[in-house]
Structure formats: structure tokens, C-alpha cells
Amino acid sequence: MTENKRLSIILPIYNDARIADAIRSVRRFDDIGTVRLIVIDGGSKQEVRDMISTLLAPGDVFISEPDDGIFDALNKGLRHCGTEFIGWLGSDDLFTGKVLAGDVVCALENHDLFVAGTAVFRGHQIRRVTHALPSRFRLAKFGLHNPHFSTFGRAEILKSDRFELGIRGADIAYFIRIFAKKPKVMTSGAIATLMGEGGFSTNSYCNILLGNLQLLPVYLRHTNVLIVPFVLLIKLGYKSLSLLYYKVFKLERAALESRW
């Protein structure tokens, strides 16, 4: 391991050529040369694997083999992290440049978790934003969960748990358990990542509603059964307000991206 590599970014991928832009955004995010990229590929076609290989730097990790989906890939990534600090990014997501690796490393010197915001976009339009402030008060179990790809942490806390396979909302359940350990959290009002909209759970309001209702068992396992209905209402209400706000007060994606 190169001595100055202190932050691993786990990047799961399966047959998504947009990973090229994601990797380039990681390079720009790495302002102090401290990031090791860990790409976990689920067995993409050869041309995608070849493209990834051309974008990797010495010391990066590239694993390509069949897996059981994104949560299995994230678990593999955690196992291969040997740095002090860990973050993640989706293959269709981008770091904005509003938060840089130096900011993350500085924050994690004295905190267990560092959380910034995430904006969901489609094309050039911001659709909604998930802010970091509720994470300061560890409100994930009440439906105000952290923006996952804008959450960075010390390895000892993030590697203390795993993503469960075969359940919807394994990422939410994972972070509810992480926050239950009462970590010391620092948050930022900046938008650290742009997340592409288009998956089943985010491509319409109806699917957002359906997806959240399917998370009921997750909240039942981690929250008092009497307040679960309020948790779902809070979660849906927060997303609805964000969707409506950015539909009325339009925000262009370019406004959140640094001019590299």
C-alpha cells in the first residue's frame, strides 16, 4: 500500500459505461493525492472492463467477477479497503467538487463520520436534494437517512457491519445500524455528489412511494413499532417537498458542479 493513500472510494459497477465519468470525478475530487479507487465489477462485458483498466492508477484495486448485486459488491469493497477512511460512489454518479478529499480527511481526523449532501439529477435538471443536517442528530431510523454516497467514515466503524443481501433497503438498514453505534458525526451543507435518477425506486413519484412502503420491514426491525407509520410519513414528506421545490424553483446541474 502506498503510504499516502488514506481514503478508499468503493465503486460498484456492472455494464455501465458511465463509470468513466465517475472515475474522472474521483480523480478531480482527490486534491491531495490520498485516494485509492476500489472498483468492484460484477462481470461486465470485455469492452467495459478494458475501459475501466485504462482509467485506473497504480495502487487502485479492480476486481471483476460475478456477484449477487450492488450490496454484495459493496461488501467486497469493504473487505478490500486497507485505508483509514472509506467512501463510495455509484457508477452513474459524480463528485461535484464542492467537497474534496482533503476536506474529508481533515473532518475524519476527529470524527467517525463525515456527511455532505446529494443532489439527484436527470439530464441537466436537479430533481431533488437530500441534505446532511439530519445525520448530525443520527435521525436515520426516523426516515431522515443520510445521503449514502456523500457519507464517508473511519474504516473501523464502516467495516464493523455488512450490507444484508436479498432485502430491499439493505443500504438504509446498514446505515441505521452504523448510526446506532453513536458515532461522532460532522456534516456539511455542501452538495458532495450528483446521483443519476432513473432506477426503479427513483424514476417516478409512484415508485418512490412503493419503494418506501416496501422498506416497512426494515424500519420495523430497527425502530419502535408504534412510530413506524410516522417514520414513513416523514420520509415520504421530506422527499415530496424536495421534489416539489425543485420542480418549482428549477436548479441546473451545472450550478452544483465546479468548473474543473
Foldseek 3Di string as FASTA:
>chain_A
DPPQQAEEEEEEDAQDLLLVQALVLQVLLAPPPHYAYEYEYQAHDPVSVVSVVVSHDPPHHYHYHHDQDDQRSVLVVLVPDPHFKYAYDYSNKHFQNQHHPVNQVVVAVPWFKEAAKEFEDEDFWTQFIQGAVVVQVLCLLLQSDTPRRRMMGTSVLLNVDGQDPDAQCSVSLSSNVSCVVVIRYHYDHAHGMYHYADDQCGPDLVSVLVSLVSCLVSSVVRDPPVCSVSSSVVNSVNSVVRNVVCVVVIDTNVVRHDPD
